[in-house]
Amino acid sequence: MARIQTINRETASAEVNATLDAVKAKLGKVPNLIATLAQAPVALNAYLGLSEGVTKGRLTAKQRESLALAIGQANSCQYCLSAHSLIARGTGLNTEAIQSARKAEATDTVTESLLKLAVKIVQQRGILADADIEEAHAAGVDDGLILEVIAHVALNTLTNYTNHIAQTEIDFPVVAV
């Protein structure tokens, strides 16, 4: 059972309900994570803003989903691994690519470097050595992409930690951590 419940739509403010209606129109449903974040509109709006913002960068949808999988694995977030395994299929990633992403592996050098960088950021709490940055640069990851990866780490860590603390009920096909 969730420790932080999803918002009760009957008692939620008109503004929160409008936001959740917009999410439902876009996704076809209001995932439990979103309904949980709605308990604090500032958290919900921060998540939605950052989530939308990162789609406007240079990373492809496949790279973004691969990052979500690698970060979710690094943070042991079963909810996010379940959600992003399904979403990743919609971007064209197959089962093998999804499993590889969870291990911070990819078929192209740049994507793999992005995934390894993200995992290092998570595991080392953002404290990277010069060699870590040089390794990313050598693989073709420029400073702009490094900053995009940091944005994805922030976004996914927000959802990973929310799910850990809230014990959000998984409303996607469940995958093992």
Protein backbone atom coordinates (compact mmCIF):
# COMPACT_ATOMS: atom_id res chain seq x y z
CA MET A 1 0.00 0.00 0.00
CA ALA A 2 1.23 3.46 -0.87
CA ARG A 3 2.58 5.61 1.95
CA ILE A 4 1.60 8.77 0.08
CA GLN A 5 -1.76 8.36 -1.58
CA THR A 6 -2.73 9.57 -5.02
CA ILE A 7 -4.73 12.79 -5.04
CA ASN A 8 -8.47 12.51 -4.57
CA ARG A 9 -9.86 14.14 -7.71
CA GLU A 10 -13.11 14.98 -5.90
CA THR A 11 -11.34 17.16 -3.35
CA ALA A 12 -8.49 18.42 -5.56
CA SER A 13 -8.45 22.06 -6.62
CA ALA A 14 -9.79 23.07 -10.03
CA GLU A 15 -6.23 23.93 -11.10
CA VAL A 16 -4.87 20.51 -10.14
CA ASN A 17 -7.80 18.78 -11.83
CA ALA A 18 -7.20 20.82 -14.99
CA THR A 19 -3.54 19.78 -14.97
CA LEU A 20 -4.46 16.12 -14.45
CA ASP A 21 -7.05 16.35 -17.25
CA ALA A 22 -4.31 17.67 -19.56
CA VAL A 23 -2.04 14.77 -18.58
CA LYS A 24 -4.86 12.30 -19.26
CA ALA A 25 -5.52 13.88 -22.65
CA LYS A 26 -1.85 13.53 -23.56
CA LEU A 27 -1.15 10.07 -22.11
CA GLY A 28 -4.58 8.45 -22.11
CA LYS A 29 -4.47 8.06 -18.33
CA VAL A 30 -3.13 9.73 -15.21
CA PRO A 31 -0.31 7.49 -14.00
CA ASN A 32 -0.16 6.95 -10.25
CA LEU A 33 3.15 8.81 -10.07
CA ILE A 34 1.51 11.93 -11.48
CA ALA A 35 -1.52 11.55 -9.20
CA THR A 36 0.86 11.22 -6.25
CA LEU A 37 2.88 14.29 -7.23
CA ALA A 38 -0.45 16.16 -7.43
CA GLN A 39 -0.57 16.08 -3.61
CA ALA A 40 1.90 18.98 -3.91
CA PRO A 41 1.06 21.08 -6.97
CA VAL A 42 4.51 22.66 -6.87
CA ALA A 43 6.09 19.19 -7.19
CA LEU A 44 3.68 18.21 -9.96
CA ASN A 45 4.30 21.39 -11.93
CA ALA A 46 8.07 21.14 -11.43
CA TYR A 47 8.01 17.58 -12.73
CA LEU A 48 5.79 18.41 -15.71
CA GLY A 49 7.86 21.47 -16.62
CA LEU A 50 11.17 19.65 -16.49
CA SER A 51 9.70 16.62 -18.23
CA GLU A 52 8.47 18.76 -21.10
CA GLY A 53 11.67 20.81 -21.16
CA VAL A 54 14.01 17.87 -21.65
CA THR A 55 12.11 16.79 -24.76
CA LYS A 56 13.30 19.97 -26.49
CA GLY A 57 16.99 19.12 -26.27
CA ARG A 58 19.30 17.32 -28.63
CA LEU A 59 18.74 13.84 -27.24
CA THR A 60 16.47 11.53 -29.21
CA ALA A 61 13.41 9.88 -27.67
CA LYS A 62 15.33 6.58 -27.64
CA GLN A 63 18.26 8.19 -25.82
CA ARG A 64 15.93 9.86 -23.29
CA GLU A 65 14.17 6.57 -22.54
CA SER A 66 17.50 4.76 -22.34
CA LEU A 67 18.64 7.34 -19.79
CA ALA A 68 15.44 6.88 -17.79
CA LEU A 69 16.08 3.13 -17.73
CA ALA A 70 19.75 3.44 -16.74
CA ILE A 71 18.96 5.98 -14.02
CA GLY A 72 15.96 3.99 -12.79
CA GLN A 73 18.17 0.91 -12.55
CA ALA A 74 20.92 2.84 -10.74
CA ASN A 75 18.29 4.08 -8.25
CA SER A 76 16.50 0.68 -8.06
CA CYS A 77 13.13 2.22 -8.93
CA GLN A 78 10.74 -0.55 -9.93
CA TYR A 79 7.93 1.89 -10.80
CA CYS A 80 10.11 3.83 -13.24
CA LEU A 81 11.69 0.72 -14.72
CA SER A 82 8.21 -0.66 -15.34
CA ALA A 83 6.88 2.59 -16.81
CA HIS A 84 9.92 3.31 -18.97
CA SER A 85 10.21 -0.26 -20.24
CA LEU A 86 6.74 0.19 -21.73
CA ILE A 87 7.38 3.76 -22.95
CA ALA A 88 10.72 2.73 -24.46
CA ARG A 89 8.95 0.21 -26.69
CA GLY A 90 6.95 3.10 -28.10
CA THR A 91 10.18 4.80 -29.15
CA GLY A 92 11.31 1.68 -31.00
CA LEU A 93 13.55 0.07 -28.39
CA ASN A 94 13.23 -3.72 -28.33
CA THR A 95 13.62 -6.02 -25.31
CA GLU A 96 17.36 -6.41 -25.85
CA ALA A 97 17.92 -2.64 -26.12
CA ILE A 98 15.83 -2.06 -22.97
CA GLN A 99 17.87 -4.61 -21.02
CA SER A 100 21.09 -3.10 -22.36
CA ALA A 101 20.04 0.42 -21.37
CA ARG A 102 19.37 -0.79 -17.83
CA LYS A 103 23.02 -1.92 -17.76
CA ALA A 104 24.17 1.44 -19.25
CA GLU A 105 25.02 -0.26 -22.53
CA ALA A 106 24.03 0.72 -26.07
CA THR A 107 24.94 -0.17 -29.63
CA ASP A 108 26.35 3.29 -30.41
CA THR A 109 29.28 4.89 -28.61
CA VAL A 110 27.65 8.25 -27.87
CA THR A 111 24.51 6.78 -26.32
CA GLU A 112 26.52 4.33 -24.24
CA SER A 113 28.72 7.18 -23.03
CA LEU A 114 25.61 9.20 -22.08
CA LEU A 115 24.25 6.23 -20.10
CA LYS A 116 27.53 5.55 -18.32
CA LEU A 117 27.86 9.24 -17.48
CA ALA A 118 24.33 9.33 -16.04
CA VAL A 119 24.99 6.29 -13.88
CA LYS A 120 28.26 7.81 -12.62
CA ILE A 121 26.41 11.02 -11.75
CA VAL A 122 23.82 9.02 -9.77
CA GLN A 123 26.29 6.73 -8.04
CA GLN A 124 28.83 9.45 -7.28
CA ARG A 125 26.19 12.05 -6.37
CA GLY A 126 27.41 14.43 -9.06
CA ILE A 127 31.04 14.36 -7.99
CA LEU A 128 32.93 13.44 -11.15
CA ALA A 129 36.64 13.32 -11.82
CA ASP A 130 38.22 15.15 -14.73
CA ALA A 131 38.79 11.72 -16.29
CA ASP A 132 35.01 11.07 -16.30
CA ILE A 133 34.39 14.26 -18.30
CA GLU A 134 37.35 13.57 -20.59
CA GLU A 135 36.01 10.07 -21.25
CA ALA A 136 32.63 11.49 -22.23
CA HIS A 137 34.26 14.10 -24.47
CA ALA A 138 36.37 11.42 -26.16
CA ALA A 139 33.17 9.49 -26.98
CA GLY A 140 31.65 12.55 -28.68
CA VAL A 141 29.66 13.96 -25.76
CA ASP A 142 30.07 17.74 -25.66
CA ASP A 143 29.40 20.04 -22.72
CA GLY A 144 25.83 20.74 -23.84
CA LEU A 145 25.02 17.03 -23.83
CA ILE A 146 26.62 16.65 -20.41
CA LEU A 147 24.24 19.30 -19.10
CA GLU A 148 21.27 17.57 -20.77
CA VAL A 149 22.26 14.35 -19.02
CA ILE A 150 22.36 16.23 -15.70
CA ALA A 151 18.80 17.48 -16.39
CA HIS A 152 17.67 13.91 -17.05
CA VAL A 153 19.34 12.69 -13.88
CA ALA A 154 17.50 15.41 -11.93
CA LEU A 155 14.15 14.57 -13.55
CA ASN A 156 14.46 10.83 -13.08
CA THR A 157 15.86 11.10 -9.57
CA LEU A 158 12.81 13.19 -8.65
CA THR A 159 10.50 10.43 -9.83
CA ASN A 160 12.67 7.60 -8.47
CA TYR A 161 12.81 9.14 -4.99
CA THR A 162 9.12 10.03 -5.05
CA ASN A 163 8.27 6.42 -5.84
CA HIS A 164 10.59 5.08 -3.15
CA ILE A 165 9.20 7.35 -0.46
CA ALA A 166 5.55 7.21 -1.55
CA GLN A 167 5.70 3.50 -2.39
CA THR A 168 3.66 4.35 -5.47
CA GLU A 169 1.46 1.52 -6.70
CA ILE A 170 2.81 0.39 -10.08
CA ASP A 171 0.17 0.86 -12.77
CA PHE A 172 2.29 -0.42 -15.67
CA PRO A 173 3.32 -3.98 -16.56
CA VAL A 174 5.71 -4.76 -13.69
CA VAL A 175 9.34 -5.55 -14.41
CA ALA A 176 11.91 -6.76 -11.89
CA VAL A 177 14.51 -4.35 -10.57
